[in-house]
PDB file of N, CA and C in Angstrom:
ATOM      1  N   MET A   1     122.979 141.812 111.331  1.00  0.00           N
ATOM      2  CA  MET A   1     124.118 142.126 110.496  1.00  0.00           C
ATOM      3  C   MET A   1     124.264 141.057 109.409  1.00  0.00           C
ATOM      4  N   THR A   2     124.427 141.481 108.183  1.00  0.00           N
ATOM      5  CA  THR A   2     124.644 140.576 107.069  1.00  0.00           C
ATOM      6  C   THR A   2     126.142 140.472 106.805  1.00  0.00           C
ATOM      7  N   LEU A   3     126.658 139.262 106.871  1.00  0.00           N
ATOM      8  CA  LEU A   3     128.077 139.044 106.620  1.00  0.00           C
ATOM      9  C   LEU A   3     128.339 138.880 105.133  1.00  0.00           C
ATOM     10  N   ILE A   4     129.444 139.431 104.690  1.00  0.00           N
ATOM     11  CA  ILE A   4     129.918 139.214 103.324  1.00  0.00           C
ATOM     12  C   ILE A   4     130.836 138.004 103.400  1.00  0.00           C
ATOM     13  N   LEU A   5     130.532 136.977 102.653  1.00  0.00           N
ATOM     14  CA  LEU A   5     131.261 135.721 102.767  1.00  0.00           C
ATOM     15  C   LEU A   5     132.253 135.447 101.643  1.00  0.00           C
ATOM     16  N   HIS A   6     132.265 136.280 100.624  1.00  0.00           N
ATOM     17  CA  HIS A   6     133.224 136.116  99.530  1.00  0.00           C
ATOM     18  C   HIS A   6     134.166 137.312  99.487  1.00  0.00           C
ATOM     19  N   SER A   7     135.422 137.026  99.235  1.00  0.00           N
ATOM     20  CA  SER A   7     136.436 138.067  99.124  1.00  0.00           C
ATOM     21  C   SER A   7     137.368 137.686  97.988  1.00  0.00           C
ATOM     22  N   THR A   8     137.873 138.674  97.283  1.00  0.00           N
ATOM     23  CA  THR A   8     138.845 138.419  96.226  1.00  0.00           C
ATOM     24  C   THR A   8     140.235 138.652  96.785  1.00  0.00           C
ATOM     25  N   LEU A   9     141.026 137.589  96.824  1.00  0.00           N
ATOM     26  CA  LEU A   9     142.408 137.673  97.294  1.00  0.00           C
ATOM     27  C   LEU A   9     143.314 138.016  96.125  1.00  0.00           C
ATOM     28  N   THR A  10     144.253 138.928  96.364  1.00  0.00           N
ATOM     29  CA  THR A  10     145.248 139.288  95.362  1.00  0.00           C
ATOM     30  C   THR A  10     146.620 138.891  95.880  1.00  0.00           C
ATOM     31  N   CYS A  11     147.296 138.023  95.163  1.00  0.00           N
ATOM     32  CA  CYS A  11     148.620 137.578  95.563  1.00  0.00           C
ATOM     33  C   CYS A  11     149.614 138.734  95.434  1.00  0.00           C
ATOM     34  N   PRO A  12     150.365 139.032  96.491  1.00  0.00           N
ATOM     35  CA  PRO A  12     151.338 140.124  96.413  1.00  0.00           C
ATOM     36  C   PRO A  12     152.564 139.767  95.575  1.00  0.00           C
ATOM     37  N   HIS A  13     152.736 138.501  95.249  1.00  0.00           N
ATOM     38  CA  HIS A  13     153.900 138.052  94.478  1.00  0.00           C
ATOM     39  C   HIS A  13     153.658 138.106  92.979  1.00  0.00           C
ATOM     40  N   CYS A  14     152.471 137.672  92.530  1.00  0.00           N
ATOM     41  CA  CYS A  14     152.213 137.597  91.084  1.00  0.00           C
ATOM     42  C   CYS A  14     150.971 138.378  90.649  1.00  0.00           C
ATOM     43  N   GLN A  15     150.249 138.973  91.603  1.00  0.00           N
ATOM     44  CA  GLN A  15     149.042 139.767  91.353  1.00  0.00           C
ATOM     45  C   GLN A  15     147.851 138.945  90.869  1.00  0.00           C
ATOM     46  N   PHE A  16     147.945 137.627  90.927  1.00  0.00           N
ATOM     47  CA  PHE A  16     146.814 136.767  90.569  1.00  0.00           C
ATOM     48  C   PHE A  16     145.673 137.014  91.550  1.00  0.00           C
ATOM     49  N   GLN A  17     144.445 137.029  91.041  1.00  0.00           N
ATOM     50  CA  GLN A  17     143.279 137.241  91.888  1.00  0.00           C
ATOM     51  C   GLN A  17     142.372 136.020  91.840  1.00  0.00           C
ATOM     52  N   ALA A  18     141.860 135.664  93.026  1.00  0.00           N
ATOM     53  CA  ALA A  18     140.941 134.532  93.130  1.00  0.00           C
ATOM     54  C   ALA A  18     139.855 134.877  94.132  1.00  0.00           C
ATOM     55  N   GLN A  19     138.606 134.633  93.739  1.00  0.00           N
ATOM     56  CA  GLN A  19     137.504 134.845  94.671  1.00  0.00           C
ATOM     57  C   GLN A  19     137.361 133.594  95.526  1.00  0.00           C
ATOM     58  N   GLU A  20     137.301 133.799  96.846  1.00  0.00           N
ATOM     59  CA  GLU A  20     137.235 132.683  97.781  1.00  0.00           C
ATOM     60  C   GLU A  20     136.086 132.878  98.762  1.00  0.00           C
ATOM     61  N   LEU A  21     135.544 131.762  99.204  1.00  0.00           N
ATOM     62  CA  LEU A  21     134.543 131.751 100.258  1.00  0.00           C
ATOM     63  C   LEU A  21     135.289 131.752 101.591  1.00  0.00           C
ATOM     64  N   MET A  22     134.954 132.686 102.469  1.00  0.00           N
ATOM     65  CA  MET A  22     135.648 132.798 103.742  1.00  0.00           C
ATOM     66  C   MET A  22     134.980 131.935 104.804  1.00  0.00           C
ATOM     67  N   PRO A  23     135.781 131.326 105.686  1.00  0.00           N
ATOM     68  CA  PRO A  23     135.176 130.600 106.806  1.00  0.00           C
ATOM     69  C   PRO A  23     134.504 131.601 107.747  1.00  0.00           C
ATOM     70  N   THR A  24     133.420 131.197 108.373  1.00  0.00           N
ATOM     71  CA  THR A  24     132.677 132.117 109.242  1.00  0.00           C
ATOM     72  C   THR A  24     133.099 132.021 110.699  1.00  0.00           C
ATOM     73  N   ASP A  25     133.830 130.980 111.052  1.00  0.00           N
ATOM     74  CA  ASP A  25     134.130 130.752 112.459  1.00  0.00           C
ATOM     75  C   ASP A  25     135.609 130.802 112.820  1.00  0.00           C
ATOM     76  N   CYS A  26     136.451 131.199 111.873  1.00  0.00           N
ATOM     77  CA  CYS A  26     137.883 131.255 112.158  1.00  0.00           C
ATOM     78  C   CYS A  26     138.569 132.174 111.159  1.00  0.00           C
ATOM     79  N   CYS A  27     139.825 132.467 111.448  1.00  0.00           N
ATOM     80  CA  CYS A  27     140.660 133.273 110.552  1.00  0.00           C
ATOM     81  C   CYS A  27     141.593 132.335 109.790  1.00  0.00           C
ATOM     82  N   LEU A  28     141.804 132.602 108.516  1.00  0.00           N
ATOM     83  CA  LEU A  28     142.649 131.762 107.667  1.00  0.00           C
ATOM     84  C   LEU A  28     144.066 132.327 107.661  1.00  0.00           C
ATOM     85  N   TRP A  29     145.004 131.582 108.210  1.00  0.00           N
ATOM     86  CA  TRP A  29     146.393 132.042 108.342  1.00  0.00           C
ATOM     87  C   TRP A  29     147.245 131.734 107.133  1.00  0.00           C
ATOM     88  N   PHE A  30     146.938 130.692 106.398  1.00  0.00           N
ATOM     89  CA  PHE A  30     147.761 130.282 105.264  1.00  0.00           C
ATOM     90  C   PHE A  30     146.884 130.099 104.027  1.00  0.00           C
ATOM     91  N   TYR A  31     147.404 130.577 102.898  1.00  0.00           N
ATOM     92  CA  TYR A  31     146.682 130.434 101.631  1.00  0.00           C
ATOM     93  C   TYR A  31     147.714 130.274 100.513  1.00  0.00           C
ATOM     94  N   PRO A  32     147.740 129.122  99.847  1.00  0.00           N
ATOM     95  CA  PRO A  32     148.662 128.952  98.728  1.00  0.00           C
ATOM     96  C   PRO A  32     148.077 129.591  97.464  1.00  0.00           C
ATOM     97  N   CYS A  33     148.824 130.470  96.847  1.00  0.00           N
ATOM     98  CA  CYS A  33     148.359 131.110  95.614  1.00  0.00           C
ATOM     99  C   CYS A  33     148.167 130.034  94.548  1.00  0.00           C
ATOM    100  N   PRO A  34     146.986 129.993  93.928  1.00  0.00           N
ATOM    101  CA  PRO A  34     146.738 128.992  92.887  1.00  0.00           C
ATOM    102  C   PRO A  34     147.620 129.164  91.647  1.00  0.00           C
ATOM    103  N   ASN A  35     148.169 130.366  91.468  1.00  0.00           N
ATOM    104  CA  ASN A  35     148.962 130.647  90.278  1.00  0.00           C
ATOM    105  C   ASN A  35     150.456 130.398  90.500  1.00  0.00           C
ATOM    106  N   CYS A  36     151.062 131.113  91.444  1.00  0.00           N
ATOM    107  CA  CYS A  36     152.514 131.011  91.628  1.00  0.00           C
ATOM    108  C   CYS A  36     152.916 130.064  92.759  1.00  0.00           C
ATOM    109  N   LYS A  37     151.938 129.563  93.500  1.00  0.00           N
ATOM    110  CA  LYS A  37     152.143 128.580  94.572  1.00  0.00           C
ATOM    111  C   LYS A  37     152.837 129.143  95.814  1.00  0.00           C
ATOM    112  N   GLN A  38     153.056 130.455  95.867  1.00  0.00           N
ATOM    113  CA  GLN A  38     153.619 131.061  97.083  1.00  0.00           C
ATOM    114  C   GLN A  38     152.596 130.979  98.206  1.00  0.00           C
ATOM    115  N   MET A  39     153.057 130.739  99.423  1.00  0.00           N
ATOM    116  CA  MET A  39     152.179 130.665 100.581  1.00  0.00           C
ATOM    117  C   MET A  39     151.976 132.072 101.147  1.00  0.00           C
ATOM    118  N   LEU A  40     150.738 132.527 101.121  1.00  0.00           N
ATOM    119  CA  LEU A  40     150.415 133.826 101.693  1.00  0.00           C
ATOM    120  C   LEU A  40     150.145 133.666 103.176  1.00  0.00           C
ATOM    121  N   THR A  41     150.662 134.588 103.963  1.00  0.00           N
ATOM    122  CA  THR A  41     150.410 134.655 105.398  1.00  0.00           C
ATOM    123  C   THR A  41     150.016 136.085 105.726  1.00  0.00           C
ATOM    124  N   PRO A  42     149.336 136.316 106.837  1.00  0.00           N
ATOM    125  CA  PRO A  42     148.886 137.674 107.166  1.00  0.00           C
ATOM    126  C   PRO A  42     150.050 138.646 107.365  1.00  0.00           C
ATOM    127  N   LYS A  43     149.816 139.899 107.014  1.00  0.00           N
ATOM    128  CA  LYS A  43     150.771 140.958 107.312  1.00  0.00           C
ATOM    129  C   LYS A  43     150.754 141.210 108.817  1.00  0.00           C
ATOM    130  N   ALA A  44     151.806 141.792 109.328  1.00  0.00           N
ATOM    131  CA  ALA A  44     151.888 142.110 110.754  1.00  0.00           C
ATOM    132  C   ALA A  44     150.684 142.954 111.162  1.00  0.00           C
ATOM    133  N   GLY A  45     150.016 142.558 112.236  1.00  0.00           N
ATOM    134  CA  GLY A  45     148.866 143.287 112.737  1.00  0.00           C
ATOM    135  C   GLY A  45     147.534 142.821 112.177  1.00  0.00           C
ATOM    136  N   ASP A  46     147.554 141.974 111.154  1.00  0.00           N
ATOM    137  CA  ASP A  46     146.315 141.432 110.584  1.00  0.00           C
ATOM    138  C   ASP A  46     146.104 140.017 111.101  1.00  0.00           C
ATOM    139  N   CYS A  47     144.838 139.607 111.197  1.00  0.00           N
ATOM    140  CA  CYS A  47     144.537 138.287 111.758  1.00  0.00           C
ATOM    141  C   CYS A  47     144.532 137.185 110.715  1.00  0.00           C
ATOM    142  N   CYS A  48     144.398 137.544 109.431  1.00  0.00           N
ATOM    143  CA  CYS A  48     144.292 136.488 108.422  1.00  0.00           C
ATOM    144  C   CYS A  48     144.640 137.016 107.036  1.00  0.00           C
ATOM    145  N   VAL A  49     144.709 136.105 106.078  1.00  0.00           N
ATOM    146  CA  VAL A  49     145.057 136.497 104.713  1.00  0.00           C
ATOM    147  C   VAL A  49     143.966 137.350 104.064  1.00  0.00           C
ATOM    148  N   PHE A  50     142.710 137.174 104.467  1.00  0.00           N
ATOM    149  CA  PHE A  50     141.636 138.001 103.906  1.00  0.00           C
ATOM    150  C   PHE A  50     141.777 139.455 104.347  1.00  0.00           C
ATOM    151  N   CYS A  51     142.174 139.665 105.589  1.00  0.00           N
ATOM    152  CA  CYS A  51     142.364 141.037 106.087  1.00  0.00           C
ATOM    153  C   CYS A  51     143.584 141.690 105.439  1.00  0.00           C
ATOM    154  N   SER A  52     144.576 140.894 105.056  1.00  0.00           N
ATOM    155  CA  SER A  52     145.785 141.435 104.438  1.00  0.00           C
ATOM    156  C   SER A  52     145.677 141.596 102.927  1.00  0.00           C
ATOM    157  N   TYR A  53     145.065 140.641 102.242  1.00  0.00           N
ATOM    158  CA  TYR A  53     145.104 140.613 100.774  1.00  0.00           C
ATOM    159  C   TYR A  53     143.737 140.565 100.105  1.00  0.00           C
ATOM    160  N   GLY A  54     142.682 140.581 100.899  1.00  0.00           N
ATOM    161  CA  GLY A  54     141.342 140.459 100.339  1.00  0.00           C
ATOM    162  C   GLY A  54     140.628 141.782 100.150  1.00  0.00           C
ATOM    163  N   THR A  55     139.550 141.731  99.386  1.00  0.00           N
ATOM    164  CA  THR A  55     138.720 142.916  99.163  1.00  0.00           C
ATOM    165  C   THR A  55     137.756 143.144 100.317  1.00  0.00           C
ATOM    166  N   VAL A  56     137.562 142.103 101.146  1.00  0.00           N
ATOM    167  CA  VAL A  56     136.659 142.167 102.294  1.00  0.00           C
ATOM    168  C   VAL A  56     137.358 141.505 103.477  1.00  0.00           C
ATOM    169  N   CYS A  57     137.276 142.105 104.646  1.00  0.00           N
ATOM    170  CA  CYS A  57     137.836 141.489 105.855  1.00  0.00           C
ATOM    171  C   CYS A  57     137.040 140.247 106.223  1.00  0.00           C
ATOM    172  N   CYS A  58     137.660 139.381 106.978  1.00  0.00           N
ATOM    173  CA  CYS A  58     137.049 138.102 107.354  1.00  0.00           C
ATOM    174  C   CYS A  58     135.802 138.298 108.224  1.00  0.00           C
ATOM    175  N   PRO A  59     134.910 137.298 108.243  1.00  0.00           N
ATOM    176  CA  PRO A  59     133.686 137.396 109.037  1.00  0.00           C
ATOM    177  C   PRO A  59     133.907 137.684 110.528  1.00  0.00           C
ATOM    178  N   PRO A  60     134.916 137.077 111.204  1.00  0.00           N
ATOM    179  CA  PRO A  60     135.111 137.454 112.610  1.00  0.00           C
ATOM    180  C   PRO A  60     135.385 138.953 112.787  1.00  0.00           C
ATOM    181  N   VAL A  61     136.133 139.556 111.884  1.00  0.00           N
ATOM    182  CA  VAL A  61     136.390 141.001 111.957  1.00  0.00           C
ATOM    183  C   VAL A  61     135.115 141.780 111.647  1.00  0.00           C
ATOM    184  N   GLN A  62     134.360 141.331 110.645  1.00  0.00           N
ATOM    185  CA  GLN A  62     133.099 142.001 110.323  1.00  0.00           C
ATOM    186  C   GLN A  62     132.157 142.019 111.524  1.00  0.00           C
ATOM    187  N   GLN A  63     132.241 140.979 112.369  1.00  0.00           N
ATOM    188  CA  GLN A  63     131.383 140.879 113.545  1.00  0.00           C
ATOM    189  C   GLN A  63     131.997 141.532 114.783  1.00  0.00           C
ATOM    190  N   GLY A  64     133.230 142.033 114.655  1.00  0.00           N
ATOM    191  CA  GLY A  64     133.905 142.630 115.799  1.00  0.00           C
ATOM    192  C   GLY A  64     134.400 141.618 116.807  1.00  0.00           C
ATOM    193  N   LEU A  65     134.680 140.403 116.363  1.00  0.00           N
ATOM    194  CA  LEU A  65     135.093 139.322 117.252  1.00  0.00           C
ATOM    195  C   LEU A  65     136.565 138.964 117.142  1.00  0.00           C
ATOM    196  N   CYS A  66     137.346 139.786 116.489  1.00  0.00           N
ATOM    197  CA  CYS A  66     138.737 139.464 116.235  1.00  0.00           C
ATOM    198  C   CYS A  66     139.609 140.672 116.574  1.00  0.00           C
ATOM    199  N   GLY A  67     140.855 140.441 116.932  1.00  0.00           N
ATOM    200  CA  GLY A  67     141.765 141.522 117.270  1.00  0.00           C
ATOM    201  C   GLY A  67     142.535 142.081 116.097  1.00  0.00           C
ATOM    202  N   CYS A  68     142.038 141.874 114.900  1.00  0.00           N
ATOM    203  CA  CYS A  68     142.709 142.347 113.687  1.00  0.00           C
ATOM    204  C   CYS A  68     142.825 143.868 113.696  1.00  0.00           C
ATOM    205  N   SER A  69     143.912 144.391 113.143  1.00  0.00           N
ATOM    206  CA  SER A  69     144.115 145.838 113.119  1.00  0.00           C
ATOM    207  C   SER A  69     143.086 146.581 112.269  1.00  0.00           C
ATOM    208  N   LYS A  70     142.383 145.860 111.369  1.00  0.00           N
ATOM    209  CA  LYS A  70     141.370 146.510 110.531  1.00  0.00           C
ATOM    210  C   LYS A  70     140.008 146.486 111.198  1.00  0.00           C
ATOM    211  N   ASN A  71     139.947 146.023 112.426  1.00  0.00           N
ATOM    212  CA  ASN A  71     138.695 145.911 113.175  1.00  0.00           C
ATOM    213  C   ASN A  71     138.186 147.278 113.560  1.00  0.00           C
TER     214      ASN A  71
END
């Protein structure tokens, strides 16, 4: 299986988009928006900010190793 390691996060507050490299061994719970400085946290039922606001789910979800609702 080939993991996708980059995802574009879209801030729900200001719609700013940033491409980020995702960690391969954990889920990212907090992400400060580079534009408006709001702290993004996962939506209910999601394991991380990539699963909630990204174009690609995090690597643990891609591998089926996480309890995220998008799994």
